[in-house]
Amino acid sequence: MVKDQEERHSKFKDIGSRRVDDLLHKIQLLSNLSNTSNYFYTEDEVNKMFRTIREELKKAEGSFRAKDNKFTFWLFSY
């Protein structure tokens, strides 16, 4: 049983590390859109974009924090 747990932990670390690296790279690419020489955007569009990202990030974090990892209804206050 301990070996299975170690294998699952190793798998978590390997996959998690890659996914975090990928996500950080995508965030860096997203920041490139702030260049007003190449793009036009409104403050409302930026607010919606980052609100959506924050909501999804809270959901992802909540899935790790939930005791039984079952579906949880979230209320977001902005």
PDB file of N, CA and C in Angstrom:
ATOM      1  N   MET A   1       0.825  -1.203   0.000  1.00  0.00           N
ATOM      2  CA  MET A   1       0.000   0.000   0.000  1.00  0.00           C
ATOM      3  C   MET A   1       0.863   1.259   0.000  1.00  0.00           C
ATOM      4  N   VAL A   2       1.946   1.239   0.744  1.00  0.00           N
ATOM      5  CA  VAL A   2       2.822   2.405   0.804  1.00  0.00           C
ATOM      6  C   VAL A   2       3.454   2.650  -0.560  1.00  0.00           C
ATOM      7  N   LYS A   3       3.816   1.572  -1.265  1.00  0.00           N
ATOM      8  CA  LYS A   3       4.415   1.728  -2.585  1.00  0.00           C
ATOM      9  C   LYS A   3       3.425   2.384  -3.549  1.00  0.00           C
ATOM     10  N   ASP A   4       2.170   1.955  -3.507  1.00  0.00           N
ATOM     11  CA  ASP A   4       1.137   2.552  -4.354  1.00  0.00           C
ATOM     12  C   ASP A   4       1.000   4.043  -4.046  1.00  0.00           C
ATOM     13  N   GLN A   5       1.039   4.388  -2.786  1.00  0.00           N
ATOM     14  CA  GLN A   5       0.922   5.786  -2.381  1.00  0.00           C
ATOM     15  C   GLN A   5       2.123   6.589  -2.880  1.00  0.00           C
ATOM     16  N   GLU A   6       3.298   6.013  -2.799  1.00  0.00           N
ATOM     17  CA  GLU A   6       4.505   6.690  -3.291  1.00  0.00           C
ATOM     18  C   GLU A   6       4.446   6.888  -4.805  1.00  0.00           C
ATOM     19  N   GLU A   7       3.952   5.896  -5.521  1.00  0.00           N
ATOM     20  CA  GLU A   7       3.826   6.001  -6.975  1.00  0.00           C
ATOM     21  C   GLU A   7       2.824   7.093  -7.349  1.00  0.00           C
ATOM     22  N   ARG A   8       1.689   7.136  -6.650  1.00  0.00           N
ATOM     23  CA  ARG A   8       0.684   8.153  -6.932  1.00  0.00           C
ATOM     24  C   ARG A   8       1.203   9.543  -6.601  1.00  0.00           C
ATOM     25  N   HIS A   9       2.002   9.644  -5.531  1.00  0.00           N
ATOM     26  CA  HIS A   9       2.572  10.938  -5.152  1.00  0.00           C
ATOM     27  C   HIS A   9       3.587  11.391  -6.191  1.00  0.00           C
ATOM     28  N   SER A  10       4.420  10.477  -6.649  1.00  0.00           N
ATOM     29  CA  SER A  10       5.401  10.795  -7.676  1.00  0.00           C
ATOM     30  C   SER A  10       4.707  11.245  -8.961  1.00  0.00           C
ATOM     31  N   LYS A  11       3.654  10.544  -9.330  1.00  0.00           N
ATOM     32  CA  LYS A  11       2.882  10.895 -10.522  1.00  0.00           C
ATOM     33  C   LYS A  11       2.271  12.291 -10.369  1.00  0.00           C
ATOM     34  N   PHE A  12       1.721  12.578  -9.182  1.00  0.00           N
ATOM     35  CA  PHE A  12       1.147  13.898  -8.905  1.00  0.00           C
ATOM     36  C   PHE A  12       2.199  14.988  -9.092  1.00  0.00           C
ATOM     37  N   LYS A  13       3.380  14.766  -8.518  1.00  0.00           N
ATOM     38  CA  LYS A  13       4.438  15.777  -8.602  1.00  0.00           C
ATOM     39  C   LYS A  13       4.902  15.981 -10.044  1.00  0.00           C
ATOM     40  N   ASP A  14       5.064  14.904 -10.791  1.00  0.00           N
ATOM     41  CA  ASP A  14       5.520  15.013 -12.178  1.00  0.00           C
ATOM     42  C   ASP A  14       4.503  15.745 -13.041  1.00  0.00           C
ATOM     43  N   ILE A  15       3.271  15.297 -13.003  1.00  0.00           N
ATOM     44  CA  ILE A  15       2.223  15.902 -13.830  1.00  0.00           C
ATOM     45  C   ILE A  15       1.910  17.310 -13.350  1.00  0.00           C
ATOM     46  N   GLY A  16       1.827  17.485 -12.029  1.00  0.00           N
ATOM     47  CA  GLY A  16       1.535  18.804 -11.464  1.00  0.00           C
ATOM     48  C   GLY A  16       2.588  19.831 -11.847  1.00  0.00           C
ATOM     49  N   SER A  17       3.832  19.441 -11.802  1.00  0.00           N
ATOM     50  CA  SER A  17       4.919  20.345 -12.154  1.00  0.00           C
ATOM     51  C   SER A  17       4.814  20.782 -13.612  1.00  0.00           C
ATOM     52  N   ARG A  18       4.544  19.837 -14.494  1.00  0.00           N
ATOM     53  CA  ARG A  18       4.394  20.172 -15.918  1.00  0.00           C
ATOM     54  C   ARG A  18       3.203  21.089 -16.148  1.00  0.00           C
ATOM     55  N   ARG A  19       2.098  20.792 -15.491  1.00  0.00           N
ATOM     56  CA  ARG A  19       0.891  21.601 -15.701  1.00  0.00           C
ATOM     57  C   ARG A  19       1.058  23.017 -15.156  1.00  0.00           C
ATOM     58  N   VAL A  20       1.733  23.156 -14.024  1.00  0.00           N
ATOM     59  CA  VAL A  20       1.982  24.494 -13.474  1.00  0.00           C
ATOM     60  C   VAL A  20       2.899  25.265 -14.417  1.00  0.00           C
ATOM     61  N   ASP A  21       3.948  24.607 -14.914  1.00  0.00           N
ATOM     62  CA  ASP A  21       4.840  25.272 -15.870  1.00  0.00           C
ATOM     63  C   ASP A  21       4.080  25.723 -17.111  1.00  0.00           C
ATOM     64  N   ASP A  22       3.215  24.849 -17.638  1.00  0.00           N
ATOM     65  CA  ASP A  22       2.409  25.202 -18.809  1.00  0.00           C
ATOM     66  C   ASP A  22       1.489  26.385 -18.518  1.00  0.00           C
ATOM     67  N   LEU A  23       0.874  26.358 -17.351  1.00  0.00           N
ATOM     68  CA  LEU A  23      -0.040  27.434 -16.972  1.00  0.00           C
ATOM     69  C   LEU A  23       0.704  28.760 -16.833  1.00  0.00           C
ATOM     70  N   LEU A  24       1.862  28.745 -16.205  1.00  0.00           N
ATOM     71  CA  LEU A  24       2.649  29.972 -16.054  1.00  0.00           C
ATOM     72  C   LEU A  24       3.057  30.526 -17.416  1.00  0.00           C
ATOM     73  N   HIS A  25       3.393  29.641 -18.335  1.00  0.00           N
ATOM     74  CA  HIS A  25       3.743  30.075 -19.686  1.00  0.00           C
ATOM     75  C   HIS A  25       2.535  30.730 -20.368  1.00  0.00           C
ATOM     76  N   LYS A  26       1.363  30.142 -20.221  1.00  0.00           N
ATOM     77  CA  LYS A  26       0.151  30.708 -20.825  1.00  0.00           C
ATOM     78  C   LYS A  26      -0.171  32.077 -20.217  1.00  0.00           C
ATOM     79  N   ILE A  27       0.061  32.230 -18.916  1.00  0.00           N
ATOM     80  CA  ILE A  27      -0.183  33.527 -18.274  1.00  0.00           C
ATOM     81  C   ILE A  27       0.780  34.569 -18.834  1.00  0.00           C
ATOM     82  N   GLN A  28       2.025  34.174 -19.055  1.00  0.00           N
ATOM     83  CA  GLN A  28       2.993  35.100 -19.649  1.00  0.00           C
ATOM     84  C   GLN A  28       2.557  35.502 -21.058  1.00  0.00           C
ATOM     85  N   LEU A  29       2.035  34.553 -21.820  1.00  0.00           N
ATOM     86  CA  LEU A  29       1.524  34.864 -23.159  1.00  0.00           C
ATOM     87  C   LEU A  29       0.324  35.804 -23.078  1.00  0.00           C
ATOM     88  N   LEU A  30      -0.527  35.575 -22.091  1.00  0.00           N
ATOM     89  CA  LEU A  30      -1.692  36.431 -21.906  1.00  0.00           C
ATOM     90  C   LEU A  30      -1.265  37.877 -21.650  1.00  0.00           C
ATOM     91  N   SER A  31      -0.217  38.049 -20.873  1.00  0.00           N
ATOM     92  CA  SER A  31       0.240  39.407 -20.562  1.00  0.00           C
ATOM     93  C   SER A  31       0.731  40.134 -21.809  1.00  0.00           C
ATOM     94  N   ASN A  32       1.121  39.394 -22.833  1.00  0.00           N
ATOM     95  CA  ASN A  32       1.538  40.030 -24.090  1.00  0.00           C
ATOM     96  C   ASN A  32       0.394  40.820 -24.717  1.00  0.00           C
ATOM     97  N   LEU A  33      -0.831  40.440 -24.420  1.00  0.00           N
ATOM     98  CA  LEU A  33      -1.997  41.144 -24.972  1.00  0.00           C
ATOM     99  C   LEU A  33      -2.127  42.565 -24.438  1.00  0.00           C
ATOM    100  N   SER A  34      -1.376  42.904 -23.408  1.00  0.00           N
ATOM    101  CA  SER A  34      -1.463  44.249 -22.838  1.00  0.00           C
ATOM    102  C   SER A  34      -0.759  45.295 -23.704  1.00  0.00           C
ATOM    103  N   ASN A  35      -0.047  44.855 -24.713  1.00  0.00           N
ATOM    104  CA  ASN A  35       0.673  45.766 -25.599  1.00  0.00           C
ATOM    105  C   ASN A  35      -0.319  46.524 -26.485  1.00  0.00           C
ATOM    106  N   THR A  36      -0.527  47.784 -26.154  1.00  0.00           N
ATOM    107  CA  THR A  36      -1.523  48.574 -26.883  1.00  0.00           C
ATOM    108  C   THR A  36      -1.058  48.979 -28.281  1.00  0.00           C
ATOM    109  N   SER A  37       0.183  48.729 -28.614  1.00  0.00           N
ATOM    110  CA  SER A  37       0.642  48.966 -29.981  1.00  0.00           C
ATOM    111  C   SER A  37       0.072  47.910 -30.917  1.00  0.00           C
ATOM    112  N   ASN A  38      -0.236  46.745 -30.362  1.00  0.00           N
ATOM    113  CA  ASN A  38      -0.741  45.637 -31.175  1.00  0.00           C
ATOM    114  C   ASN A  38      -2.197  45.298 -30.927  1.00  0.00           C
ATOM    115  N   TYR A  39      -2.726  45.689 -29.776  1.00  0.00           N
ATOM    116  CA  TYR A  39      -4.072  45.276 -29.393  1.00  0.00           C
ATOM    117  C   TYR A  39      -4.858  46.448 -28.828  1.00  0.00           C
ATOM    118  N   PHE A  40      -6.170  46.362 -28.974  1.00  0.00           N
ATOM    119  CA  PHE A  40      -7.068  47.321 -28.342  1.00  0.00           C
ATOM    120  C   PHE A  40      -8.035  46.539 -27.461  1.00  0.00           C
ATOM    121  N   TYR A  41      -8.259  47.047 -26.264  1.00  0.00           N
ATOM    122  CA  TYR A  41      -9.166  46.378 -25.330  1.00  0.00           C
ATOM    123  C   TYR A  41      -9.748  47.422 -24.394  1.00  0.00           C
ATOM    124  N   THR A  42     -10.877  47.071 -23.810  1.00  0.00           N
ATOM    125  CA  THR A  42     -11.498  47.964 -22.833  1.00  0.00           C
ATOM    126  C   THR A  42     -11.195  47.450 -21.431  1.00  0.00           C
ATOM    127  N   GLU A  43     -11.351  48.341 -20.480  1.00  0.00           N
ATOM    128  CA  GLU A  43     -11.140  47.951 -19.083  1.00  0.00           C
ATOM    129  C   GLU A  43     -12.142  46.872 -18.676  1.00  0.00           C
ATOM    130  N   ASP A  44     -13.360  46.981 -19.188  1.00  0.00           N
ATOM    131  CA  ASP A  44     -14.385  45.981 -18.894  1.00  0.00           C
ATOM    132  C   ASP A  44     -13.980  44.600 -19.405  1.00  0.00           C
ATOM    133  N   GLU A  45     -13.409  44.538 -20.592  1.00  0.00           N
ATOM    134  CA  GLU A  45     -12.957  43.252 -21.147  1.00  0.00           C
ATOM    135  C   GLU A  45     -11.850  42.641 -20.302  1.00  0.00           C
ATOM    136  N   VAL A  46     -10.935  43.473 -19.854  1.00  0.00           N
ATOM    137  CA  VAL A  46      -9.836  42.988 -19.010  1.00  0.00           C
ATOM    138  C   VAL A  46     -10.396  42.500 -17.676  1.00  0.00           C
ATOM    139  N   ASN A  47     -11.324  43.257 -17.090  1.00  0.00           N
ATOM    140  CA  ASN A  47     -11.932  42.854 -15.821  1.00  0.00           C
ATOM    141  C   ASN A  47     -12.640  41.511 -15.946  1.00  0.00           C
ATOM    142  N   LYS A  48     -13.396  41.318 -17.021  1.00  0.00           N
ATOM    143  CA  LYS A  48     -14.098  40.049 -17.235  1.00  0.00           C
ATOM    144  C   LYS A  48     -13.119  38.901 -17.401  1.00  0.00           C
ATOM    145  N   MET A  49     -12.070  39.137 -18.155  1.00  0.00           N
ATOM    146  CA  MET A  49     -11.068  38.100 -18.399  1.00  0.00           C
ATOM    147  C   MET A  49     -10.439  37.633 -17.077  1.00  0.00           C
ATOM    148  N   PHE A  50     -10.000  38.583 -16.267  1.00  0.00           N
ATOM    149  CA  PHE A  50      -9.335  38.208 -15.023  1.00  0.00           C
ATOM    150  C   PHE A  50     -10.310  37.708 -13.963  1.00  0.00           C
ATOM    151  N   ARG A  51     -11.543  38.178 -13.985  1.00  0.00           N
ATOM    152  CA  ARG A  51     -12.557  37.642 -13.070  1.00  0.00           C
ATOM    153  C   ARG A  51     -12.793  36.161 -13.371  1.00  0.00           C
ATOM    154  N   THR A  52     -12.894  35.839 -14.639  1.00  0.00           N
ATOM    155  CA  THR A  52     -13.094  34.447 -15.044  1.00  0.00           C
ATOM    156  C   THR A  52     -11.915  33.579 -14.617  1.00  0.00           C
ATOM    157  N   ILE A  53     -10.725  34.080 -14.790  1.00  0.00           N
ATOM    158  CA  ILE A  53      -9.524  33.334 -14.384  1.00  0.00           C
ATOM    159  C   ILE A  53      -9.527  33.113 -12.871  1.00  0.00           C
ATOM    160  N   ARG A  54      -9.844  34.164 -12.105  1.00  0.00           N
ATOM    161  CA  ARG A  54      -9.883  34.024 -10.637  1.00  0.00           C
ATOM    162  C   ARG A  54     -10.920  33.003 -10.208  1.00  0.00           C
ATOM    163  N   GLU A  55     -12.093  33.027 -10.854  1.00  0.00           N
ATOM    164  CA  GLU A  55     -13.153  32.078 -10.498  1.00  0.00           C
ATOM    165  C   GLU A  55     -12.705  30.636 -10.744  1.00  0.00           C
ATOM    166  N   GLU A  56     -12.098  30.394 -11.877  1.00  0.00           N
ATOM    167  CA  GLU A  56     -11.640  29.037 -12.192  1.00  0.00           C
ATOM    168  C   GLU A  56     -10.511  28.605 -11.261  1.00  0.00           C
ATOM    169  N   LEU A  57      -9.644  29.529 -10.912  1.00  0.00           N
ATOM    170  CA  LEU A  57      -8.562  29.217  -9.991  1.00  0.00           C
ATOM    171  C   LEU A  57      -9.109  28.864  -8.609  1.00  0.00           C
ATOM    172  N   LYS A  58     -10.129  29.598  -8.150  1.00  0.00           N
ATOM    173  CA  LYS A  58     -10.766  29.283  -6.869  1.00  0.00           C
ATOM    174  C   LYS A  58     -11.421  27.906  -6.905  1.00  0.00           C
ATOM    175  N   LYS A  59     -12.062  27.571  -8.030  1.00  0.00           N
ATOM    176  CA  LYS A  59     -12.674  26.248  -8.159  1.00  0.00           C
ATOM    177  C   LYS A  59     -11.615  25.157  -8.090  1.00  0.00           C
ATOM    178  N   ALA A  60     -10.515  25.365  -8.799  1.00  0.00           N
ATOM    179  CA  ALA A  60      -9.447  24.369  -8.805  1.00  0.00           C
ATOM    180  C   ALA A  60      -8.865  24.194  -7.403  1.00  0.00           C
ATOM    181  N   GLU A  61      -8.605  25.303  -6.723  1.00  0.00           N
ATOM    182  CA  GLU A  61      -8.075  25.221  -5.366  1.00  0.00           C
ATOM    183  C   GLU A  61      -9.077  24.563  -4.438  1.00  0.00           C
ATOM    184  N   GLY A  62     -10.349  24.898  -4.601  1.00  0.00           N
ATOM    185  CA  GLY A  62     -11.391  24.302  -3.770  1.00  0.00           C
ATOM    186  C   GLY A  62     -11.464  22.800  -3.922  1.00  0.00           C
ATOM    187  N   SER A  63     -11.187  22.300  -5.115  1.00  0.00           N
ATOM    188  CA  SER A  63     -11.232  20.851  -5.313  1.00  0.00           C
ATOM    189  C   SER A  63     -10.142  20.149  -4.504  1.00  0.00           C
ATOM    190  N   PHE A  64      -9.048  20.829  -4.212  1.00  0.00           N
ATOM    191  CA  PHE A  64      -7.998  20.264  -3.363  1.00  0.00           C
ATOM    192  C   PHE A  64      -8.342  20.403  -1.881  1.00  0.00           C
ATOM    193  N   ARG A  65      -9.107  21.411  -1.544  1.00  0.00           N
ATOM    194  CA  ARG A  65      -9.435  21.694  -0.145  1.00  0.00           C
ATOM    195  C   ARG A  65     -10.655  20.919   0.355  1.00  0.00           C
ATOM    196  N   ALA A  66     -11.517  20.474  -0.558  1.00  0.00           N
ATOM    197  CA  ALA A  66     -12.740  19.765  -0.157  1.00  0.00           C
ATOM    198  C   ALA A  66     -12.360  18.463   0.552  1.00  0.00           C
ATOM    199  N   LYS A  67     -13.017  18.202   1.667  1.00  0.00           N
ATOM    200  CA  LYS A  67     -12.721  16.993   2.454  1.00  0.00           C
ATOM    201  C   LYS A  67     -12.857  15.725   1.633  1.00  0.00           C
ATOM    202  N   ASP A  68     -14.011  15.597   0.985  1.00  0.00           N
ATOM    203  CA  ASP A  68     -14.305  14.351   0.298  1.00  0.00           C
ATOM    204  C   ASP A  68     -14.197  14.471  -1.222  1.00  0.00           C
ATOM    205  N   ASN A  69     -13.724  15.628  -1.706  1.00  0.00           N
ATOM    206  CA  ASN A  69     -13.567  15.872  -3.143  1.00  0.00           C
ATOM    207  C   ASN A  69     -14.843  15.639  -3.937  1.00  0.00           C
ATOM    208  N   LYS A  70     -15.997  15.830  -3.307  1.00  0.00           N
ATOM    209  CA  LYS A  70     -17.267  15.752  -4.009  1.00  0.00           C
ATOM    210  C   LYS A  70     -17.632  17.140  -4.503  1.00  0.00           C
ATOM    211  N   PHE A  71     -18.623  17.203  -5.360  1.00  0.00           N
ATOM    212  CA  PHE A  71     -19.067  18.473  -5.912  1.00  0.00           C
ATOM    213  C   PHE A  71     -19.438  19.431  -4.788  1.00  0.00           C
ATOM    214  N   THR A  72     -18.965  20.660  -4.909  1.00  0.00           N
ATOM    215  CA  THR A  72     -19.271  21.699  -3.935  1.00  0.00           C
ATOM    216  C   THR A  72     -19.814  22.906  -4.675  1.00  0.00           C
ATOM    217  N   PHE A  73     -20.894  23.471  -4.170  1.00  0.00           N
ATOM    218  CA  PHE A  73     -21.450  24.678  -4.765  1.00  0.00           C
ATOM    219  C   PHE A  73     -20.709  25.873  -4.195  1.00  0.00           C
ATOM    220  N   TRP A  74     -20.155  26.696  -5.074  1.00  0.00           N
ATOM    221  CA  TRP A  74     -19.365  27.846  -4.636  1.00  0.00           C
ATOM    222  C   TRP A  74     -20.120  29.140  -4.894  1.00  0.00           C
ATOM    223  N   LEU A  75     -20.041  30.031  -3.946  1.00  0.00           N
ATOM    224  CA  LEU A  75     -20.558  31.387  -4.121  1.00  0.00           C
ATOM    225  C   LEU A  75     -19.366  32.330  -4.152  1.00  0.00           C
ATOM    226  N   PHE A  76     -19.269  33.111  -5.200  1.00  0.00           N
ATOM    227  CA  PHE A  76     -18.175  34.054  -5.319  1.00  0.00           C
ATOM    228  C   PHE A  76     -18.702  35.452  -5.064  1.00  0.00           C
ATOM    229  N   SER A  77     -17.955  36.199  -4.298  1.00  0.00           N
ATOM    230  CA  SER A  77     -18.374  37.578  -4.034  1.00  0.00           C
ATOM    231  C   SER A  77     -17.346  38.525  -4.639  1.00  0.00           C
ATOM    232  N   TYR A  78     -17.815  39.300  -5.583  1.00  0.00           N
ATOM    233  CA  TYR A  78     -16.948  40.302  -6.222  1.00  0.00           C
ATOM    234  C   TYR A  78     -17.620  41.635  -6.140  1.00  0.00           C
TER     235      TYR A  78
END
